[in-house]
PDB file of N, CA and C in Angstrom:
ATOM      1  N   MET A   1      97.178  90.039  92.665  1.00  0.00           N
ATOM      2  CA  MET A   1      98.753  90.459  91.959  1.00  0.00           C
ATOM      3  C   MET A   1      99.194  89.291  90.852  1.00  0.00           C
ATOM      4  N   SER A   2      99.286  89.777  89.802  1.00  0.00           N
ATOM      5  CA  SER A   2      99.775  89.005  88.908  1.00  0.00           C
ATOM      6  C   SER A   2     100.100  89.955  87.673  1.00  0.00           C
ATOM      7  N   ILE A   3     100.768  88.858  86.819  1.00  0.00           N
ATOM      8  CA  ILE A   3     100.875  89.951  85.231  1.00  0.00           C
ATOM      9  C   ILE A   3      99.719  89.834  84.744  1.00  0.00           C
ATOM     10  N   GLU A   4      98.661  88.856  84.806  1.00  0.00           N
ATOM     11  CA  GLU A   4      97.577  89.128  84.176  1.00  0.00           C
ATOM     12  C   GLU A   4      96.946  89.876  84.604  1.00  0.00           C
ATOM     13  N   GLU A   5      96.941  90.695  85.448  1.00  0.00           N
ATOM     14  CA  GLU A   5      96.102  92.118  86.087  1.00  0.00           C
ATOM     15  C   GLU A   5      96.815  93.403  85.454  1.00  0.00           C
ATOM     16  N   HIS A   6      96.558  93.442  84.303  1.00  0.00           N
ATOM     17  CA  HIS A   6      97.638  94.280  83.605  1.00  0.00           C
ATOM     18  C   HIS A   6      97.660  95.970  84.138  1.00  0.00           C
ATOM     19  N   ASP A   7      96.726  96.466  84.844  1.00  0.00           N
ATOM     20  CA  ASP A   7      96.229  97.898  85.143  1.00  0.00           C
ATOM     21  C   ASP A   7      96.686  98.144  86.506  1.00  0.00           C
ATOM     22  N   THR A   8      97.493  97.016  87.339  1.00  0.00           N
ATOM     23  CA  THR A   8      98.002  97.391  88.594  1.00  0.00           C
ATOM     24  C   THR A   8      99.424  97.253  88.695  1.00  0.00           C
ATOM     25  N   VAL A   9     100.147  98.109  89.820  1.00  0.00           N
ATOM     26  CA  VAL A   9     101.276  97.733  90.455  1.00  0.00           C
ATOM     27  C   VAL A   9     101.341  96.613  91.642  1.00  0.00           C
ATOM     28  N   ASP A  10     101.756  95.522  91.409  1.00  0.00           N
ATOM     29  CA  ASP A  10     101.762  94.727  92.696  1.00  0.00           C
ATOM     30  C   ASP A  10     102.140  95.510  93.592  1.00  0.00           C
ATOM     31  N   PHE A  11     103.597  95.703  93.642  1.00  0.00           N
ATOM     32  CA  PHE A  11     104.481  96.278  94.974  1.00  0.00           C
ATOM     33  C   PHE A  11     105.197  97.230  94.687  1.00  0.00           C
ATOM     34  N   VAL A  12     104.963  98.200  95.528  1.00  0.00           N
ATOM     35  CA  VAL A  12     105.965  99.420  95.408  1.00  0.00           C
ATOM     36  C   VAL A  12     107.120  99.039  96.888  1.00  0.00           C
ATOM     37  N   ALA A  13     108.000  98.952  96.405  1.00  0.00           N
ATOM     38  CA  ALA A  13     108.867  99.232  97.709  1.00  0.00           C
ATOM     39  C   ALA A  13     110.464 100.042  97.734  1.00  0.00           C
ATOM     40  N   HIS A  14     110.895 100.184  99.031  1.00  0.00           N
ATOM     41  CA  HIS A  14     112.338 100.863  99.128  1.00  0.00           C
ATOM     42  C   HIS A  14     113.006  99.794  99.382  1.00  0.00           C
ATOM     43  N   ASP A  15     114.283  99.719  98.584  1.00  0.00           N
ATOM     44  CA  ASP A  15     115.250  98.732  99.123  1.00  0.00           C
ATOM     45  C   ASP A  15     116.342  99.487  99.713  1.00  0.00           C
ATOM     46  N   PRO A  16     116.280  99.158 101.100  1.00  0.00           N
ATOM     47  CA  PRO A  16     117.454 100.397 101.841  1.00  0.00           C
ATOM     48  C   PRO A  16     118.957  99.903 101.539  1.00  0.00           C
ATOM     49  N   ALA A  17     119.127  98.578 101.231  1.00  0.00           N
ATOM     50  CA  ALA A  17     120.339  97.712 101.177  1.00  0.00           C
ATOM     51  C   ALA A  17     121.031  98.519  99.866  1.00  0.00           C
ATOM     52  N   GLN A  18     120.452  98.887  98.909  1.00  0.00           N
ATOM     53  CA  GLN A  18     120.498  99.715  97.592  1.00  0.00           C
ATOM     54  C   GLN A  18     120.241 100.959  97.379  1.00  0.00           C
ATOM     55  N   ASP A  19     119.333 101.516  98.394  1.00  0.00           N
ATOM     56  CA  ASP A  19     118.658 102.580  98.545  1.00  0.00           C
ATOM     57  C   ASP A  19     118.109 102.854  96.778  1.00  0.00           C
ATOM     58  N   ARG A  20     117.318 102.234  96.379  1.00  0.00           N
ATOM     59  CA  ARG A  20     116.616 102.360  95.288  1.00  0.00           C
ATOM     60  C   ARG A  20     115.225 102.019  95.552  1.00  0.00           C
ATOM     61  N   VAL A  21     114.573 102.262  94.495  1.00  0.00           N
ATOM     62  CA  VAL A  21     112.472 101.925  94.416  1.00  0.00           C
ATOM     63  C   VAL A  21     112.486 100.666  94.071  1.00  0.00           C
ATOM     64  N   LEU A  22     111.859  99.747  94.304  1.00  0.00           N
ATOM     65  CA  LEU A  22     111.419  98.217  93.595  1.00  0.00           C
ATOM     66  C   LEU A  22     110.100  98.297  92.910  1.00  0.00           C
ATOM     67  N   LEU A  23     109.676  98.523  92.206  1.00  0.00           N
ATOM     68  CA  LEU A  23     108.492  97.695  91.351  1.00  0.00           C
ATOM     69  C   LEU A  23     108.170  96.162  91.051  1.00  0.00           C
ATOM     70  N   VAL A  24     107.853  95.704  91.953  1.00  0.00           N
ATOM     71  CA  VAL A  24     107.776  94.593  91.585  1.00  0.00           C
ATOM     72  C   VAL A  24     106.684  93.889  91.155  1.00  0.00           C
ATOM     73  N   MET A  25     106.346  93.014  90.311  1.00  0.00           N
ATOM     74  CA  MET A  25     105.275  92.148  89.523  1.00  0.00           C
ATOM     75  C   MET A  25     105.820  90.624  89.666  1.00  0.00           C
ATOM     76  N   VAL A  26     104.448  90.544  90.084  1.00  0.00           N
ATOM     77  CA  VAL A  26     104.623  89.272  90.267  1.00  0.00           C
ATOM     78  C   VAL A  26     103.662  88.538  89.198  1.00  0.00           C
ATOM     79  N   ALA A  27     104.497  86.875  88.899  1.00  0.00           N
ATOM     80  CA  ALA A  27     103.989  85.891  88.218  1.00  0.00           C
ATOM     81  C   ALA A  27     104.078  84.675  88.553  1.00  0.00           C
ATOM     82  N   GLY A  28     102.668  84.185  88.811  1.00  0.00           N
ATOM     83  CA  GLY A  28     102.705  82.851  89.246  1.00  0.00           C
ATOM     84  C   GLY A  28     102.571  81.886  88.519  1.00  0.00           C
ATOM     85  N   GLY A  29     102.898  81.004  88.860  1.00  0.00           N
ATOM     86  CA  GLY A  29     102.669  79.333  87.541  1.00  0.00           C
ATOM     87  C   GLY A  29     104.148  79.364  86.751  1.00  0.00           C
ATOM     88  N   SER A  30     103.562  78.567  85.796  1.00  0.00           N
ATOM     89  CA  SER A  30     104.908  78.477  84.625  1.00  0.00           C
ATOM     90  C   SER A  30     104.620  79.356  83.228  1.00  0.00           C
ATOM     91  N   TRP A  31     105.919  79.448  82.946  1.00  0.00           N
ATOM     92  CA  TRP A  31     105.925  80.105  81.739  1.00  0.00           C
ATOM     93  C   TRP A  31     105.498  78.566  80.536  1.00  0.00           C
ATOM     94  N   GLU A  32     104.747  79.263  79.585  1.00  0.00           N
ATOM     95  CA  GLU A  32     104.230  78.473  78.500  1.00  0.00           C
ATOM     96  C   GLU A  32     105.595  78.367  77.397  1.00  0.00           C
ATOM     97  N   ASP A  33     106.247  77.264  76.454  1.00  0.00           N
ATOM     98  CA  ASP A  33     107.067  76.969  76.132  1.00  0.00           C
ATOM     99  C   ASP A  33     106.514  78.349  74.435  1.00  0.00           C
ATOM    100  N   ASP A  34     105.222  78.568  74.059  1.00  0.00           N
ATOM    101  CA  ASP A  34     104.882  79.028  73.033  1.00  0.00           C
ATOM    102  C   ASP A  34     104.573  80.686  73.197  1.00  0.00           C
ATOM    103  N   GLY A  35     105.471  81.281  74.582  1.00  0.00           N
ATOM    104  CA  GLY A  35     105.079  82.744  74.479  1.00  0.00           C
ATOM    105  C   GLY A  35     103.791  83.395  74.757  1.00  0.00           C
ATOM    106  N   SER A  36     103.022  82.153  75.108  1.00  0.00           N
ATOM    107  CA  SER A  36     101.435  82.647  75.565  1.00  0.00           C
ATOM    108  C   SER A  36     101.178  83.747  76.370  1.00  0.00           C
ATOM    109  N   ARG A  37     102.412  84.186  77.362  1.00  0.00           N
ATOM    110  CA  ARG A  37     102.229  84.760  78.455  1.00  0.00           C
ATOM    111  C   ARG A  37     102.782  86.022  77.996  1.00  0.00           C
ATOM    112  N   LEU A  38     103.644  86.132  76.933  1.00  0.00           N
ATOM    113  CA  LEU A  38     104.124  87.671  76.390  1.00  0.00           C
ATOM    114  C   LEU A  38     103.173  88.646  76.303  1.00  0.00           C
ATOM    115  N   PRO A  39     102.065  88.352  75.998  1.00  0.00           N
ATOM    116  CA  PRO A  39     101.007  89.961  75.912  1.00  0.00           C
ATOM    117  C   PRO A  39     100.910  90.097  76.989  1.00  0.00           C
ATOM    118  N   ASP A  40     100.462  89.318  78.026  1.00  0.00           N
ATOM    119  CA  ASP A  40     100.364  89.495  79.606  1.00  0.00           C
ATOM    120  C   ASP A  40     101.610  90.570  80.284  1.00  0.00           C
ATOM    121  N   LEU A  41     102.898  90.171  80.072  1.00  0.00           N
ATOM    122  CA  LEU A  41     103.992  90.469  80.352  1.00  0.00           C
ATOM    123  C   LEU A  41     104.057  91.901  79.882  1.00  0.00           C
ATOM    124  N   GLN A  42     103.815  91.938  78.677  1.00  0.00           N
ATOM    125  CA  GLN A  42     104.293  93.115  77.895  1.00  0.00           C
ATOM    126  C   GLN A  42     102.879  94.259  78.344  1.00  0.00           C
ATOM    127  N   SER A  43     101.830  94.081  78.541  1.00  0.00           N
ATOM    128  CA  SER A  43     100.771  94.696  78.914  1.00  0.00           C
ATOM    129  C   SER A  43     101.082  95.217  80.692  1.00  0.00           C
ATOM    130  N   LYS A  44     101.759  94.488  81.298  1.00  0.00           N
ATOM    131  CA  LYS A  44     102.028  94.839  82.690  1.00  0.00           C
ATOM    132  C   LYS A  44     103.107  95.404  83.033  1.00  0.00           C
ATOM    133  N   LEU A  45     104.436  95.274  81.758  1.00  0.00           N
ATOM    134  CA  LEU A  45     105.742  96.177  81.587  1.00  0.00           C
ATOM    135  C   LEU A  45     105.264  97.436  81.526  1.00  0.00           C
ATOM    136  N   ASN A  46     103.964  97.821  80.178  1.00  0.00           N
ATOM    137  CA  ASN A  46     103.970  99.066  79.940  1.00  0.00           C
ATOM    138  C   ASN A  46     102.933  99.670  81.070  1.00  0.00           C
ATOM    139  N   ALA A  47     101.990  99.388  81.899  1.00  0.00           N
ATOM    140  CA  ALA A  47     101.266  99.576  82.966  1.00  0.00           C
ATOM    141  C   ALA A  47     102.620  99.971  83.867  1.00  0.00           C
ATOM    142  N   TYR A  48     103.596  99.481  84.539  1.00  0.00           N
ATOM    143  CA  TYR A  48     104.699  99.946  85.376  1.00  0.00           C
ATOM    144  C   TYR A  48     105.567 100.875  84.637  1.00  0.00           C
ATOM    145  N   LEU A  49     105.393 101.269  83.485  1.00  0.00           N
ATOM    146  CA  LEU A  49     106.157 102.390  82.955  1.00  0.00           C
ATOM    147  C   LEU A  49     105.326 103.477  83.156  1.00  0.00           C
ATOM    148  N   MET A  50     103.884 103.594  82.890  1.00  0.00           N
ATOM    149  CA  MET A  50     102.693 104.085  83.010  1.00  0.00           C
ATOM    150  C   MET A  50     103.054 104.828  84.487  1.00  0.00           C
ATOM    151  N   TYR A  51     102.875 103.901  85.061  1.00  0.00           N
ATOM    152  CA  TYR A  51     102.884 104.403  86.904  1.00  0.00           C
ATOM    153  C   TYR A  51     104.395 105.068  87.372  1.00  0.00           C
ATOM    154  N   GLU A  52     105.594 104.568  86.909  1.00  0.00           N
ATOM    155  CA  GLU A  52     106.163 105.162  86.897  1.00  0.00           C
ATOM    156  C   GLU A  52     106.279 106.611  86.902  1.00  0.00           C
ATOM    157  N   GLU A  53     106.233 106.923  85.388  1.00  0.00           N
ATOM    158  CA  GLU A  53     105.810 108.385  84.977  1.00  0.00           C
ATOM    159  C   GLU A  53     105.054 109.149  85.367  1.00  0.00           C
ATOM    160  N   GLN A  54     103.949 108.547  85.942  1.00  0.00           N
ATOM    161  CA  GLN A  54     102.804 109.954  86.045  1.00  0.00           C
ATOM    162  C   GLN A  54     102.150 109.500  87.560  1.00  0.00           C
ATOM    163  N   GLN A  55     102.783 108.239  88.358  1.00  0.00           N
ATOM    164  CA  GLN A  55     102.292 108.366  89.573  1.00  0.00           C
ATOM    165  C   GLN A  55     102.963 108.029  90.737  1.00  0.00           C
ATOM    166  N   LEU A  56     104.338 107.391  90.748  1.00  0.00           N
ATOM    167  CA  LEU A  56     105.247 107.029  91.295  1.00  0.00           C
ATOM    168  C   LEU A  56     105.653 108.084  92.586  1.00  0.00           C
ATOM    169  N   TRP A  57     106.011 108.830  92.083  1.00  0.00           N
ATOM    170  CA  TRP A  57     106.663 110.239  92.779  1.00  0.00           C
ATOM    171  C   TRP A  57     105.656 110.932  93.502  1.00  0.00           C
ATOM    172  N   ASP A  58     104.547 110.963  93.212  1.00  0.00           N
ATOM    173  CA  ASP A  58     103.412 111.604  93.815  1.00  0.00           C
ATOM    174  C   ASP A  58     102.811 110.777  94.703  1.00  0.00           C
ATOM    175  N   GLU A  59     102.978 109.441  94.395  1.00  0.00           N
ATOM    176  CA  GLU A  59     102.333 108.649  95.932  1.00  0.00           C
ATOM    177  C   GLU A  59     103.306 108.529  96.766  1.00  0.00           C
ATOM    178  N   ASN A  60     104.831 108.705  96.149  1.00  0.00           N
ATOM    179  CA  ASN A  60     106.122 107.989  97.231  1.00  0.00           C
ATOM    180  C   ASN A  60     106.885 109.511  97.478  1.00  0.00           C
ATOM    181  N   PRO A  61     106.595 110.439  97.898  1.00  0.00           N
ATOM    182  CA  PRO A  61     107.544 111.458  97.476  1.00  0.00           C
ATOM    183  C   PRO A  61     108.687 111.680  98.516  1.00  0.00           C
ATOM    184  N   THR A  62     108.931 110.498  98.989  1.00  0.00           N
ATOM    185  CA  THR A  62     110.306 110.180 100.221  1.00  0.00           C
ATOM    186  C   THR A  62     111.372 109.210  99.279  1.00  0.00           C
ATOM    187  N   LEU A  63     110.358 108.820  98.067  1.00  0.00           N
ATOM    188  CA  LEU A  63     111.679 107.929  97.165  1.00  0.00           C
ATOM    189  C   LEU A  63     111.981 108.618  96.199  1.00  0.00           C
ATOM    190  N   LYS A  64     111.765 110.065  95.943  1.00  0.00           N
ATOM    191  CA  LYS A  64     111.905 110.625  94.790  1.00  0.00           C
ATOM    192  C   LYS A  64     113.386 110.978  94.653  1.00  0.00           C
ATOM    193  N   GLY A  65     113.563 110.568  93.903  1.00  0.00           N
ATOM    194  CA  GLY A  65     115.290 110.880  92.892  1.00  0.00           C
ATOM    195  C   GLY A  65     116.038 109.405  93.333  1.00  0.00           C
ATOM    196  N   LYS A  66     115.375 108.477  93.526  1.00  0.00           N
ATOM    197  CA  LYS A  66     116.005 107.221  94.028  1.00  0.00           C
ATOM    198  C   LYS A  66     116.146 106.523  92.447  1.00  0.00           C
ATOM    199  N   PRO A  67     117.085 105.600  92.439  1.00  0.00           N
ATOM    200  CA  PRO A  67     116.886 104.959  91.277  1.00  0.00           C
ATOM    201  C   PRO A  67     115.642 104.158  91.034  1.00  0.00           C
ATOM    202  N   VAL A  68     115.292 103.697  90.007  1.00  0.00           N
ATOM    203  CA  VAL A  68     114.122 102.874  89.949  1.00  0.00           C
ATOM    204  C   VAL A  68     114.658 101.280  89.528  1.00  0.00           C
ATOM    205  N   THR A  69     114.057 100.350  90.015  1.00  0.00           N
ATOM    206  CA  THR A  69     114.387  98.697  89.526  1.00  0.00           C
ATOM    207  C   THR A  69     112.868  98.319  89.417  1.00  0.00           C
ATOM    208  N   PHE A  70     112.760  97.934  87.967  1.00  0.00           N
ATOM    209  CA  PHE A  70     111.303  97.247  88.213  1.00  0.00           C
ATOM    210  C   PHE A  70     112.123  95.467  88.291  1.00  0.00           C
ATOM    211  N   GLN A  71     111.185  94.571  88.880  1.00  0.00           N
ATOM    212  CA  GLN A  71     111.722  93.272  89.214  1.00  0.00           C
ATOM    213  C   GLN A  71     110.538  92.463  88.994  1.00  0.00           C
ATOM    214  N   LEU A  72     110.653  91.442  87.874  1.00  0.00           N
ATOM    215  CA  LEU A  72     110.002  90.290  88.006  1.00  0.00           C
ATOM    216  C   LEU A  72     109.893  89.116  88.994  1.00  0.00           C
ATOM    217  N   ALA A  73     109.227  89.050  90.029  1.00  0.00           N
ATOM    218  CA  ALA A  73     109.451  87.702  91.048  1.00  0.00           C
ATOM    219  C   ALA A  73     108.344  86.692  90.375  1.00  0.00           C
ATOM    220  N   ALA A  74     109.026  85.389  89.999  1.00  0.00           N
ATOM    221  CA  ALA A  74     108.021  84.636  89.148  1.00  0.00           C
ATOM    222  C   ALA A  74     108.163  83.330  90.232  1.00  0.00           C
ATOM    223  N   GLU A  75     107.410  82.622  89.903  1.00  0.00           N
ATOM    224  CA  GLU A  75     107.328  81.342  90.751  1.00  0.00           C
ATOM    225  C   GLU A  75     108.586  80.282  89.872  1.00  0.00           C
ATOM    226  N   GLU A  76     108.552  80.358  88.675  1.00  0.00           N
ATOM    227  CA  GLU A  76     109.280  79.523  87.942  1.00  0.00           C
ATOM    228  C   GLU A  76     110.704  81.036  86.846  1.00  0.00           C
ATOM    229  N   PRO A  77     111.727  80.382  86.478  1.00  0.00           N
ATOM    230  CA  PRO A  77     112.636  81.393  85.740  1.00  0.00           C
ATOM    231  C   PRO A  77     111.867  81.738  84.569  1.00  0.00           C
ATOM    232  N   PRO A  78     111.583  82.982  84.174  1.00  0.00           N
ATOM    233  CA  PRO A  78     111.325  83.079  83.003  1.00  0.00           C
ATOM    234  C   PRO A  78     111.814  82.282  81.766  1.00  0.00           C
ATOM    235  N   GLY A  79     111.194  82.366  80.826  1.00  0.00           N
ATOM    236  CA  GLY A  79     111.695  81.074  79.251  1.00  0.00           C
ATOM    237  C   GLY A  79     112.385  82.209  78.878  1.00  0.00           C
ATOM    238  N   GLU A  80     112.903  81.373  77.855  1.00  0.00           N
ATOM    239  CA  GLU A  80     113.772  82.231  76.545  1.00  0.00           C
ATOM    240  C   GLU A  80     113.164  83.280  76.127  1.00  0.00           C
ATOM    241  N   GLN A  81     111.862  82.890  75.580  1.00  0.00           N
ATOM    242  CA  GLN A  81     110.668  84.139  74.870  1.00  0.00           C
ATOM    243  C   GLN A  81     111.099  85.448  75.601  1.00  0.00           C
ATOM    244  N   GLU A  82     110.529  85.090  76.968  1.00  0.00           N
ATOM    245  CA  GLU A  82     110.107  86.128  77.898  1.00  0.00           C
ATOM    246  C   GLU A  82     111.269  86.940  78.481  1.00  0.00           C
ATOM    247  N   LEU A  83     112.757  86.020  78.282  1.00  0.00           N
ATOM    248  CA  LEU A  83     113.869  86.934  78.649  1.00  0.00           C
ATOM    249  C   LEU A  83     114.403  87.619  77.285  1.00  0.00           C
ATOM    250  N   ALA A  84     114.073  87.151  76.279  1.00  0.00           N
ATOM    251  CA  ALA A  84     114.175  87.968  75.190  1.00  0.00           C
ATOM    252  C   ALA A  84     113.472  89.161  74.599  1.00  0.00           C
ATOM    253  N   PHE A  85     112.351  88.970  75.457  1.00  0.00           N
ATOM    254  CA  PHE A  85     111.371  90.359  75.372  1.00  0.00           C
ATOM    255  C   PHE A  85     111.880  91.330  76.322  1.00  0.00           C
ATOM    256  N   LEU A  86     111.957  90.649  77.761  1.00  0.00           N
ATOM    257  CA  LEU A  86     112.728  91.818  78.553  1.00  0.00           C
ATOM    258  C   LEU A  86     114.071  92.545  77.980  1.00  0.00           C
ATOM    259  N   GLN A  87     114.829  91.668  77.405  1.00  0.00           N
ATOM    260  CA  GLN A  87     116.084  92.449  77.070  1.00  0.00           C
ATOM    261  C   GLN A  87     116.006  93.276  76.169  1.00  0.00           C
ATOM    262  N   LEU A  88     114.996  93.207  74.846  1.00  0.00           N
ATOM    263  CA  LEU A  88     114.450  94.096  74.397  1.00  0.00           C
ATOM    264  C   LEU A  88     113.942  95.577  74.941  1.00  0.00           C
ATOM    265  N   ALA A  89     113.150  94.813  75.816  1.00  0.00           N
ATOM    266  CA  ALA A  89     112.478  96.240  76.629  1.00  0.00           C
ATOM    267  C   ALA A  89     113.590  97.027  77.490  1.00  0.00           C
ATOM    268  N   VAL A  90     114.834  96.499  77.641  1.00  0.00           N
ATOM    269  CA  VAL A  90     115.422  97.088  78.750  1.00  0.00           C
ATOM    270  C   VAL A  90     116.754  98.164  77.659  1.00  0.00           C
ATOM    271  N   ASN A  91     116.919  97.399  76.263  1.00  0.00           N
ATOM    272  CA  ASN A  91     117.544  97.985  75.315  1.00  0.00           C
ATOM    273  C   ASN A  91     117.243  99.127  74.975  1.00  0.00           C
ATOM    274  N   ARG A  92     115.436  99.115  74.645  1.00  0.00           N
ATOM    275  CA  ARG A  92     115.103 100.327  73.899  1.00  0.00           C
ATOM    276  C   ARG A  92     114.325 100.880  74.518  1.00  0.00           C
ATOM    277  N   VAL A  93     113.819 101.142  75.895  1.00  0.00           N
ATOM    278  CA  VAL A  93     112.750 101.960  76.826  1.00  0.00           C
ATOM    279  C   VAL A  93     113.656 101.846  78.204  1.00  0.00           C
ATOM    280  N   LEU A  94     113.705 100.719  79.067  1.00  0.00           N
ATOM    281  CA  LEU A  94     114.099 101.111  80.287  1.00  0.00           C
ATOM    282  C   LEU A  94     115.429 101.658  80.139  1.00  0.00           C
ATOM    283  N   GLY A  95     116.346 101.021  79.800  1.00  0.00           N
ATOM    284  CA  GLY A  95     117.906 101.654  79.997  1.00  0.00           C
ATOM    285  C   GLY A  95     117.983 102.915  79.676  1.00  0.00           C
ATOM    286  N   PRO A  96     117.680 103.358  78.338  1.00  0.00           N
ATOM    287  CA  PRO A  96     117.900 104.902  78.318  1.00  0.00           C
ATOM    288  C   PRO A  96     117.093 105.775  79.317  1.00  0.00           C
ATOM    289  N   SER A  97     115.700 104.908  79.962  1.00  0.00           N
ATOM    290  CA  SER A  97     115.166 105.701  80.681  1.00  0.00           C
ATOM    291  C   SER A  97     115.632 105.898  82.016  1.00  0.00           C
ATOM    292  N   GLY A  98     116.634 105.068  82.411  1.00  0.00           N
ATOM    293  CA  GLY A  98     117.410 105.000  83.802  1.00  0.00           C
ATOM    294  C   GLY A  98     116.517 104.005  84.537  1.00  0.00           C
ATOM    295  N   ILE A  99     115.928 103.067  83.856  1.00  0.00           N
ATOM    296  CA  ILE A  99     115.438 102.016  84.841  1.00  0.00           C
ATOM    297  C   ILE A  99     115.911 100.777  84.956  1.00  0.00           C
ATOM    298  N   ARG A 100     116.177  99.982  85.802  1.00  0.00           N
ATOM    299  CA  ARG A 100     116.950  98.496  85.922  1.00  0.00           C
ATOM    300  C   ARG A 100     115.873  97.502  85.504  1.00  0.00           C
ATOM    301  N   MET A 101     115.924  96.567  85.311  1.00  0.00           N
ATOM    302  CA  MET A 101     115.267  95.435  85.058  1.00  0.00           C
ATOM    303  C   MET A 101     115.920  94.084  85.432  1.00  0.00           C
ATOM    304  N   THR A 102     115.123  93.794  86.883  1.00  0.00           N
ATOM    305  CA  THR A 102     116.066  92.263  87.478  1.00  0.00           C
ATOM    306  C   THR A 102     114.539  91.289  87.392  1.00  0.00           C
ATOM    307  N   TRP A 103     114.483  89.960  87.629  1.00  0.00           N
ATOM    308  CA  TRP A 103     113.917  88.976  88.107  1.00  0.00           C
ATOM    309  C   TRP A 103     114.431  88.239  89.103  1.00  0.00           C
ATOM    310  N   LYS A 104     113.580  87.326  89.509  1.00  0.00           N
ATOM    311  CA  LYS A 104     114.217  86.463  90.708  1.00  0.00           C
ATOM    312  C   LYS A 104     113.198  85.316  90.964  1.00  0.00           C
ATOM    313  N   LYS A 105     113.378  84.334  91.294  1.00  0.00           N
ATOM    314  CA  LYS A 105     112.551  82.990  91.888  1.00  0.00           C
ATOM    315  C   LYS A 105     112.307  83.360  93.283  1.00  0.00           C
ATOM    316  N   VAL A 106     110.857  83.558  93.198  1.00  0.00           N
ATOM    317  CA  VAL A 106     110.080  83.795  94.666  1.00  0.00           C
ATOM    318  C   VAL A 106     110.813  82.662  95.707  1.00  0.00           C
ATOM    319  N   GLY A 107     111.037  83.154  96.732  1.00  0.00           N
ATOM    320  CA  GLY A 107     111.542  82.277  97.425  1.00  0.00           C
ATOM    321  C   GLY A 107     113.003  82.274  98.096  1.00  0.00           C
ATOM    322  N   LEU A 108     113.796  82.785  97.039  1.00  0.00           N
ATOM    323  CA  LEU A 108     114.979  83.100  96.754  1.00  0.00           C
ATOM    324  C   LEU A 108     115.680  84.399  97.034  1.00  0.00           C
ATOM    325  N   GLU A 109     116.846  84.141  97.094  1.00  0.00           N
ATOM    326  CA  GLU A 109     117.658  85.911  97.412  1.00  0.00           C
ATOM    327  C   GLU A 109     118.269  86.300  95.915  1.00  0.00           C
ATOM    328  N   ILE A 110     118.329  85.347  95.448  1.00  0.00           N
ATOM    329  CA  ILE A 110     119.059  85.810  94.064  1.00  0.00           C
ATOM    330  C   ILE A 110     118.246  86.846  93.225  1.00  0.00           C
ATOM    331  N   GLU A 111     119.043  87.874  92.649  1.00  0.00           N
ATOM    332  CA  GLU A 111     118.309  88.174  91.779  1.00  0.00           C
ATOM    333  C   GLU A 111     119.463  88.551  90.599  1.00  0.00           C
ATOM    334  N   HIS A 112     118.886  88.667  89.445  1.00  0.00           N
ATOM    335  CA  HIS A 112     119.216  88.381  88.167  1.00  0.00           C
ATOM    336  C   HIS A 112     118.848  89.757  87.135  1.00  0.00           C
ATOM    337  N   GLU A 113     119.988  90.408  87.300  1.00  0.00           N
ATOM    338  CA  GLU A 113     119.799  91.453  86.334  1.00  0.00           C
ATOM    339  C   GLU A 113     119.828  91.368  84.796  1.00  0.00           C
ATOM    340  N   ILE A 114     118.654  92.257  84.285  1.00  0.00           N
ATOM    341  CA  ILE A 114     118.680  92.077  82.667  1.00  0.00           C
ATOM    342  C   ILE A 114     119.281  93.364  81.941  1.00  0.00           C
ATOM    343  N   ALA A 115     120.834  93.382  82.150  1.00  0.00           N
ATOM    344  CA  ALA A 115     121.452  94.412  81.468  1.00  0.00           C
ATOM    345  C   ALA A 115     121.420  95.046  80.212  1.00  0.00           C
ATOM    346  N   PRO A 116     121.710  96.222  79.965  1.00  0.00           N
ATOM    347  CA  PRO A 116     121.301  96.491  78.868  1.00  0.00           C
ATOM    348  C   PRO A 116     122.706  96.059  77.725  1.00  0.00           C
ATOM    349  N   SER A 117     122.111  95.549  76.187  1.00  0.00           N
ATOM    350  CA  SER A 117     123.022  95.441  75.589  1.00  0.00           C
ATOM    351  C   SER A 117     123.312  95.851  74.461  1.00  0.00           C
ATOM    352  N   VAL A 118     124.213  95.666  73.498  1.00  0.00           N
ATOM    353  CA  VAL A 118     124.771  96.645  72.592  1.00  0.00           C
ATOM    354  C   VAL A 118     123.963  95.557  71.336  1.00  0.00           C
ATOM    355  N   GLU A 119     123.093  96.495  70.680  1.00  0.00           N
ATOM    356  CA  GLU A 119     122.468  95.876  69.540  1.00  0.00           C
ATOM    357  C   GLU A 119     123.282  96.122  68.335  1.00  0.00           C
ATOM    358  N   ILE A 120     123.361  95.382  67.350  1.00  0.00           N
ATOM    359  CA  ILE A 120     124.323  95.379  65.959  1.00  0.00           C
ATOM    360  C   ILE A 120     123.313  95.507  65.160  1.00  0.00           C
ATOM    361  N   ASP A 121     123.171  97.050  64.670  1.00  0.00           N
ATOM    362  CA  ASP A 121     122.605  97.309  63.250  1.00  0.00           C
ATOM    363  C   ASP A 121     122.969  96.359  61.899  1.00  0.00           C
ATOM    364  N   GLU A 122     122.469  95.926  61.178  1.00  0.00           N
ATOM    365  CA  GLU A 122     122.643  95.048  59.766  1.00  0.00           C
ATOM    366  C   GLU A 122     122.519  96.041  58.729  1.00  0.00           C
TER     367      GLU A 122
END
């Protein structure tokens, strides 16, 4: 389980406290300053989108109709480039599809939401 394994969904869970579906992707190790893990993160996110659209409800019919959150569970907080990429994904794909995006450091309870932001066209 890791973002390097592009074709797998690491965890599917029901969060009863918020009555939502969590699709958790796991990122071990540290984030490099050069953004070298961005292609892995993008591929993993694409796999999660395809899973949510094509398989999630068939494989988990009792969860149908519940809101979906993609969560990045990382050993280290994502870097600036990774957060910028996730913000772009939320603004352009996830948010319009009704999917929330959060991240949390493994072992801590604090969950950080990447909320849609207003993009200004120049």
